[in-house]
């Protein structure tokens, strides 16, 4: 064999080894059949019920081990979901709709939270309303985020035009520093990335999401259709676990911060602040997605150019797995 052929053979072998080192769809299926399911989440309080469910996983009736898989940004989550490497995850609601519009076989089966996002501006700055942000730089997590849709709604309510604000996409952990250094004038994000600016004295609250859009939703729990088809009992148990974790968190907010902090790799005191100042800053009750919830999000997603048209609710939602009675998780 020539030197060139040997190099080619070694290169191909390395590529195959690297490919097999990653979890593939058939391995995911085997894991689910064996009683394990990874559930994707980002370290934001909108996703707090995911690590709490991981922590409480011994209470599951089907003995499924729900392992929370931490991600730092949504594009990686999307790729894992599309490839089938991830069967269940929390995801931005408009992004879940975009994936469904693109034909990715996913369904929304539950919500992650209500409210829990905040618009922050410099503490000593002059900005007092959305109108004061005309011509200013405003950071959002993504053009596919529901935070962007809420601001689109607020601008419309105030008679502003879509181009009046200079929106920039930015990773949530970077927003606090960008505001502190004057690189942006405001940002809108899920907690605790907003509260970090408030606690440090850098920023102040301009709006809580609940003040603009009551019962605001940014993230939903989505699962792939093959998980629904092949393991409906696991989906049912997952939704029950998330629901009961939410009820437990509502009744034990300080303990919930303690449980979540190691999973989030964030300061427990910051999470305690988010979950108590004020107590309705984020809610983990009433997590059944309603038709009106989804239609409202689709309405503004279409206005923002994210969706082409409404998605039939039957293609988007599967509410069969939501428990009729929700008790706090046994933690």
Protein backbone atom coordinates (compact mmCIF):
# COMPACT_ATOMS: atom_id res chain seq x y z
CA UNK A 1 0.00 0.00 0.00
CA UNK A 2 1.37 3.40 -0.94
CA UNK A 3 2.04 6.10 1.67
CA UNK A 4 -0.89 8.15 0.33
CA UNK A 5 -3.27 5.21 0.61
CA UNK A 6 -2.12 4.48 4.18
CA UNK A 7 -2.72 8.10 5.18
CA UNK A 8 -6.17 7.99 3.58
CA UNK A 9 -7.03 4.74 5.39
CA UNK A 10 -5.91 6.15 8.76
CA UNK A 11 -7.90 9.36 8.17
CA UNK A 12 -11.07 7.45 7.28
CA UNK A 13 -10.61 5.24 10.33
CA UNK A 14 -10.30 8.25 12.62
CA UNK A 15 -13.41 9.86 11.15
CA UNK A 16 -15.39 6.65 11.65
CA UNK A 17 -14.16 6.36 15.24
CA UNK A 18 -15.08 9.97 15.98
CA UNK A 19 -18.51 9.47 14.46
CA UNK A 20 -19.18 6.36 16.53
CA UNK A 21 -17.98 8.16 19.68
CA UNK A 22 -21.07 10.37 19.57
CA UNK A 23 -24.45 9.12 20.68
CA UNK A 24 -26.42 8.04 17.63
CA UNK A 25 -30.20 7.65 17.26
CA UNK A 26 -30.15 3.87 17.70
CA UNK A 27 -28.21 4.31 20.95
CA UNK A 28 -30.83 6.80 22.15
CA UNK A 29 -33.58 4.27 21.39
CA UNK A 30 -31.70 1.57 23.28
CA UNK A 31 -31.28 3.88 26.28
CA UNK A 32 -35.01 4.67 26.37
CA UNK A 33 -35.85 0.97 26.14
CA UNK A 34 -33.44 0.43 29.03
CA UNK A 35 -35.24 2.96 31.20
CA UNK A 36 -33.18 6.12 30.64
CA UNK A 37 -34.01 9.37 28.88
CA UNK A 38 -31.88 12.49 28.49
CA UNK A 39 -33.86 15.74 28.58
CA UNK A 40 -32.22 18.89 27.25
CA UNK A 41 -32.25 22.17 29.15
CA UNK A 42 -30.43 25.50 29.39
CA UNK A 43 -29.42 26.99 32.76
CA UNK A 44 -32.36 29.42 32.94
CA UNK A 45 -35.20 29.37 35.46
CA UNK A 46 -37.65 28.78 32.61
CA UNK A 47 -36.15 25.25 32.56
CA UNK A 48 -35.85 24.75 36.32
CA UNK A 49 -38.29 21.83 36.40
CA UNK A 50 -35.89 19.77 34.27
CA UNK A 51 -33.09 19.44 36.86
CA UNK A 52 -35.68 19.16 39.64
CA UNK A 53 -37.21 16.20 37.78
CA UNK A 54 -33.73 14.71 37.42
CA UNK A 55 -33.26 15.13 41.17
CA UNK A 56 -36.65 13.55 41.89
CA UNK A 57 -36.33 10.85 39.26
CA UNK A 58 -36.67 7.98 41.76
CA UNK A 59 -40.36 8.82 42.12
CA UNK A 60 -41.19 7.96 38.50
CA UNK A 61 -43.82 5.28 38.19
CA UNK A 62 -42.23 3.60 35.16
CA UNK A 63 -38.76 3.62 36.73
CA UNK A 64 -37.44 5.80 33.92
CA UNK A 65 -34.23 7.63 34.83
CA UNK A 66 -34.66 11.19 33.56
CA UNK A 67 -31.23 12.78 33.18
CA UNK A 68 -31.08 16.50 32.55
CA UNK A 69 -28.60 17.29 29.78
CA UNK A 70 -27.21 20.82 30.08
CA UNK A 71 -26.72 22.95 26.96
CA UNK A 72 -25.45 26.52 26.78
CA UNK A 73 -27.29 27.66 23.64
CA UNK A 74 -30.25 26.62 21.51
CA UNK A 75 -28.57 25.97 18.11
CA UNK A 76 -26.78 22.93 19.58
CA UNK A 77 -30.07 21.72 21.06
CA UNK A 78 -31.76 22.05 17.67
CA UNK A 79 -29.05 20.05 15.90
CA UNK A 80 -29.24 17.26 18.49
CA UNK A 81 -33.03 17.21 18.22
CA UNK A 82 -32.98 17.15 14.41
CA UNK A 83 -30.44 14.33 14.36
CA UNK A 84 -32.47 12.27 16.82
CA UNK A 85 -29.62 12.32 19.35
CA UNK A 86 -32.01 14.08 21.73
CA UNK A 87 -35.59 12.85 22.10
CA UNK A 88 -36.92 15.43 24.56
CA UNK A 89 -35.93 18.96 25.46
CA UNK A 90 -37.06 22.39 26.56
CA UNK A 91 -37.06 24.75 23.58
CA UNK A 92 -38.09 28.29 22.70
CA UNK A 93 -41.77 28.16 21.70
CA UNK A 94 -41.35 29.99 18.36
CA UNK A 95 -38.33 27.84 17.55
CA UNK A 96 -40.36 24.68 18.18
CA UNK A 97 -42.94 26.05 15.76
CA UNK A 98 -40.30 26.77 13.13
CA UNK A 99 -38.99 23.21 13.41
CA UNK A 100 -42.52 21.86 13.01
CA UNK A 101 -43.04 24.09 9.97
CA UNK A 102 -39.82 22.66 8.53
CA UNK A 103 -41.16 19.13 8.95
CA UNK A 104 -39.08 18.08 11.96
CA UNK A 105 -41.21 15.43 13.75
CA UNK A 106 -41.63 17.09 17.15
CA UNK A 107 -44.66 17.88 19.31
CA UNK A 108 -45.18 20.30 22.18
CA UNK A 109 -46.41 18.21 25.13
CA UNK A 110 -46.16 20.70 28.02
CA UNK A 111 -44.84 24.10 29.07
CA UNK A 112 -41.73 24.86 31.06
CA UNK A 113 -43.03 27.88 32.96
CA UNK A 114 -45.12 31.05 32.86
CA UNK A 115 -43.49 34.51 32.95
CA UNK A 116 -39.83 34.53 34.08
CA UNK A 117 -38.23 37.00 31.61
CA UNK A 118 -37.22 40.60 32.23
CA UNK A 119 -36.19 43.70 30.26
CA UNK A 120 -33.10 45.29 31.83
CA UNK A 121 -31.57 48.75 31.29
CA UNK A 122 -28.70 50.61 32.95
CA UNK A 123 -29.55 51.51 36.54
CA UNK A 124 -28.48 55.14 36.19
CA UNK A 125 -29.64 55.55 32.58
CA UNK A 126 -32.46 57.74 31.26
CA UNK A 127 -34.58 54.98 29.67
CA UNK A 128 -38.07 54.85 31.17
CA UNK A 129 -40.14 53.15 28.45
CA UNK A 130 -39.89 51.23 25.19
CA UNK A 131 -40.15 54.52 23.31
CA UNK A 132 -36.87 55.68 24.87
CA UNK A 133 -35.16 52.74 23.16
CA UNK A 134 -35.78 54.14 19.67
CA UNK A 135 -32.48 54.02 17.80
CA UNK A 136 -30.85 52.12 20.69
CA UNK A 137 -29.15 48.73 20.74
CA UNK A 138 -31.36 46.05 22.29
CA UNK A 139 -30.08 42.48 22.88
CA UNK A 140 -32.38 39.48 22.46
CA UNK A 141 -31.53 35.76 22.81
CA UNK A 142 -32.51 35.08 19.18
CA UNK A 143 -34.90 36.28 16.52
CA UNK A 144 -36.69 32.98 17.23
CA UNK A 145 -37.18 33.86 20.92
CA UNK A 146 -40.54 34.67 22.41
CA UNK A 147 -38.87 37.64 24.12
CA UNK A 148 -38.53 39.18 20.67
CA UNK A 149 -42.22 38.55 19.99
CA UNK A 150 -43.20 40.24 23.27
CA UNK A 151 -41.20 43.32 22.31
CA UNK A 152 -42.76 43.22 18.83
CA UNK A 153 -46.17 43.29 20.52
CA UNK A 154 -45.18 46.14 22.86
CA UNK A 155 -43.77 48.20 19.99
CA UNK A 156 -46.98 47.66 18.04
CA UNK A 157 -49.04 48.73 21.08
CA UNK A 158 -46.93 51.90 21.36
CA UNK A 159 -47.21 52.73 17.66
CA UNK A 160 -43.54 52.02 16.93
CA UNK A 161 -42.17 50.56 13.69
CA UNK A 162 -40.19 47.28 13.46
CA UNK A 163 -37.00 49.13 12.51
CA UNK A 164 -37.14 51.67 15.34
CA UNK A 165 -34.92 49.54 17.58
CA UNK A 166 -31.54 48.04 16.67
CA UNK A 167 -31.91 44.40 17.76
CA UNK A 168 -28.81 42.25 18.21
CA UNK A 169 -28.73 38.51 18.91
CA UNK A 170 -26.59 37.69 21.93
CA UNK A 171 -25.96 34.67 24.15
CA UNK A 172 -27.80 35.27 27.46
CA UNK A 173 -24.69 34.88 29.67
CA UNK A 174 -23.00 37.71 27.72
CA UNK A 175 -25.82 40.24 28.14
CA UNK A 176 -24.99 41.37 31.66
CA UNK A 177 -21.42 42.34 30.79
CA UNK A 178 -22.50 43.96 27.53
CA UNK A 179 -24.90 46.21 29.46
CA UNK A 180 -22.28 46.99 32.11
CA UNK A 181 -19.73 47.97 29.45
CA UNK A 182 -22.20 50.10 27.49
CA UNK A 183 -22.15 47.86 24.41
CA UNK A 184 -25.95 47.60 24.52
CA UNK A 185 -28.67 49.83 25.95
CA UNK A 186 -31.10 47.11 27.04
CA UNK A 187 -31.67 43.39 26.98
CA UNK A 188 -34.62 41.00 27.38
CA UNK A 189 -33.88 37.50 28.57
CA UNK A 190 -34.98 34.63 30.77
CA UNK A 191 -33.83 34.61 34.36
CA UNK A 192 -31.42 34.58 36.11
CA UNK A 193 -29.44 36.52 33.49
CA UNK A 194 -31.59 39.61 34.03
CA UNK A 195 -31.52 39.46 37.82
CA UNK A 196 -27.72 39.30 37.74
CA UNK A 197 -27.64 42.91 36.54
CA UNK A 198 -30.21 43.92 39.14
CA UNK A 199 -28.43 42.22 42.07
CA UNK A 200 -25.04 43.65 41.09
CA UNK A 201 -26.41 47.19 40.85
CA UNK A 202 -25.57 47.49 37.14
CA UNK A 203 -29.15 47.38 35.87
CA UNK A 204 -32.76 47.94 36.78
CA UNK A 205 -36.00 46.37 35.61
CA UNK A 206 -37.77 48.22 32.81
CA UNK A 207 -40.46 45.57 32.31
CA UNK A 208 -41.23 42.11 33.59
CA UNK A 209 -42.65 39.92 30.82
CA UNK A 210 -45.82 39.43 32.87
CA UNK A 211 -46.45 43.19 32.72
CA UNK A 212 -46.47 43.18 28.90
CA UNK A 213 -47.90 39.75 28.13
CA UNK A 214 -49.61 38.13 31.14
CA UNK A 215 -48.97 34.38 31.45
CA UNK A 216 -45.99 34.79 29.12
CA UNK A 217 -44.36 31.61 27.79
CA UNK A 218 -40.87 31.51 26.36
CA UNK A 219 -40.12 27.78 26.48
CA UNK A 220 -42.02 24.56 25.92
CA UNK A 221 -41.30 20.87 26.43
CA UNK A 222 -40.99 19.12 23.08
CA UNK A 223 -40.50 15.45 22.25
CA UNK A 224 -39.85 13.65 19.00
CA UNK A 225 -42.76 11.78 17.45
CA UNK A 226 -40.98 8.41 17.57
CA UNK A 227 -40.72 8.71 21.35
CA UNK A 228 -44.48 9.32 21.49
CA UNK A 229 -45.16 6.40 19.15
CA UNK A 230 -42.74 3.89 20.65
CA UNK A 231 -42.67 4.85 24.34
CA UNK A 232 -45.85 6.76 25.26
CA UNK A 233 -45.51 5.63 28.87
CA UNK A 234 -42.13 7.40 29.11
CA UNK A 235 -43.60 10.61 27.68
CA UNK A 236 -46.49 10.40 30.13
CA UNK A 237 -44.10 9.89 33.03
CA UNK A 238 -41.86 12.74 31.88
CA UNK A 239 -44.75 15.19 31.67
CA UNK A 240 -46.00 14.05 35.07
CA UNK A 241 -42.50 14.51 36.49
CA UNK A 242 -42.21 18.05 35.09
CA UNK A 243 -45.70 18.96 36.35
CA UNK A 244 -45.04 17.64 39.85
CA UNK A 245 -41.60 19.24 39.97
CA UNK A 246 -43.22 22.55 39.11
CA UNK A 247 -45.74 22.21 41.92
CA UNK A 248 -42.98 21.27 44.36
CA UNK A 249 -40.91 24.29 43.26
CA UNK A 250 -43.90 26.58 43.83
CA UNK A 251 -44.18 25.34 47.41
CA UNK A 252 -40.43 25.18 48.07
CA UNK A 253 -38.81 28.07 46.21
CA UNK A 254 -35.65 28.34 48.31
CA UNK A 255 -35.14 24.58 48.21
CA UNK A 256 -35.72 24.63 44.45
CA UNK A 257 -32.88 27.14 44.11
CA UNK A 258 -30.68 24.85 46.18
CA UNK A 259 -31.50 21.83 44.01
CA UNK A 260 -31.04 23.68 40.69
CA UNK A 261 -27.83 25.59 41.48
CA UNK A 262 -25.39 22.67 40.89
CA UNK A 263 -27.16 21.71 37.64
CA UNK A 264 -27.16 25.34 36.44
CA UNK A 265 -23.58 25.93 37.73
CA UNK A 266 -24.83 29.25 39.06
CA UNK A 267 -24.89 31.03 42.39
CA UNK A 268 -27.65 29.71 44.65
CA UNK A 269 -28.30 33.18 46.12
CA UNK A 270 -28.97 34.55 42.64
CA UNK A 271 -31.51 31.80 41.97
CA UNK A 272 -33.13 32.44 45.35
CA UNK A 273 -33.50 36.12 44.39
CA UNK A 274 -35.16 35.23 41.09
CA UNK A 275 -37.59 32.79 42.73
CA UNK A 276 -38.65 35.19 45.50
CA UNK A 277 -38.21 38.82 44.33
CA UNK A 278 -41.07 39.03 43.59
CA UNK A 279 -42.51 35.52 44.08
CA UNK A 280 -44.50 35.76 40.83
CA UNK A 281 -41.43 36.68 38.78
CA UNK A 282 -41.66 33.16 37.35
CA UNK A 283 -44.42 30.58 37.77
CA UNK A 284 -44.47 26.79 37.42
CA UNK A 285 -48.23 26.33 37.54
CA UNK A 286 -50.88 26.29 34.79
CA UNK A 287 -48.42 24.67 32.40
CA UNK A 288 -50.97 23.15 30.04
CA UNK A 289 -50.48 24.84 26.63
CA UNK A 290 -53.81 26.27 25.48
CA UNK A 291 -54.99 26.87 21.94
CA UNK A 292 -55.00 30.60 22.68
CA UNK A 293 -51.40 30.48 23.95
CA UNK A 294 -50.20 28.91 20.73
CA UNK A 295 -52.30 31.11 18.45
CA UNK A 296 -51.02 34.27 20.13
CA UNK A 297 -47.42 33.18 19.71
CA UNK A 298 -48.01 32.21 16.07
CA UNK A 299 -49.73 35.54 15.39
CA UNK A 300 -46.68 37.56 16.42
CA UNK A 301 -44.25 35.03 14.95
CA UNK A 302 -45.88 35.63 11.58
CA UNK A 303 -45.72 39.41 12.09
CA UNK A 304 -42.03 39.13 12.97
CA UNK A 305 -41.34 37.05 9.85
CA UNK A 306 -40.43 33.92 11.82
CA UNK A 307 -43.33 31.79 10.57
CA UNK A 308 -44.91 31.80 7.13
CA UNK A 309 -48.40 30.87 8.34
CA UNK A 310 -50.27 29.32 11.25
CA UNK A 311 -49.53 25.68 11.99
CA UNK A 312 -52.56 23.43 12.61
CA UNK A 313 -52.74 22.89 16.37
CA UNK A 314 -53.11 19.14 15.89
CA UNK A 315 -49.72 19.10 14.17
CA UNK A 316 -48.13 21.14 16.93
CA UNK A 317 -49.62 19.95 20.24
CA UNK A 318 -50.14 16.62 21.97
CA UNK A 319 -51.82 17.14 25.35
CA UNK A 320 -52.72 13.50 26.01
CA UNK A 321 -49.95 13.05 28.55
CA UNK A 322 -50.83 15.90 30.94
CA UNK A 323 -52.00 14.59 34.33
CA UNK A 324 -55.44 15.60 35.56
CA UNK A 325 -54.18 15.84 39.15
CA UNK A 326 -50.84 17.42 39.99
CA UNK A 327 -49.21 16.76 43.34
CA UNK A 328 -45.85 18.13 44.46
CA UNK A 329 -42.94 15.82 43.65
CA UNK A 330 -41.78 13.67 46.57
CA UNK A 331 -38.43 15.31 47.29
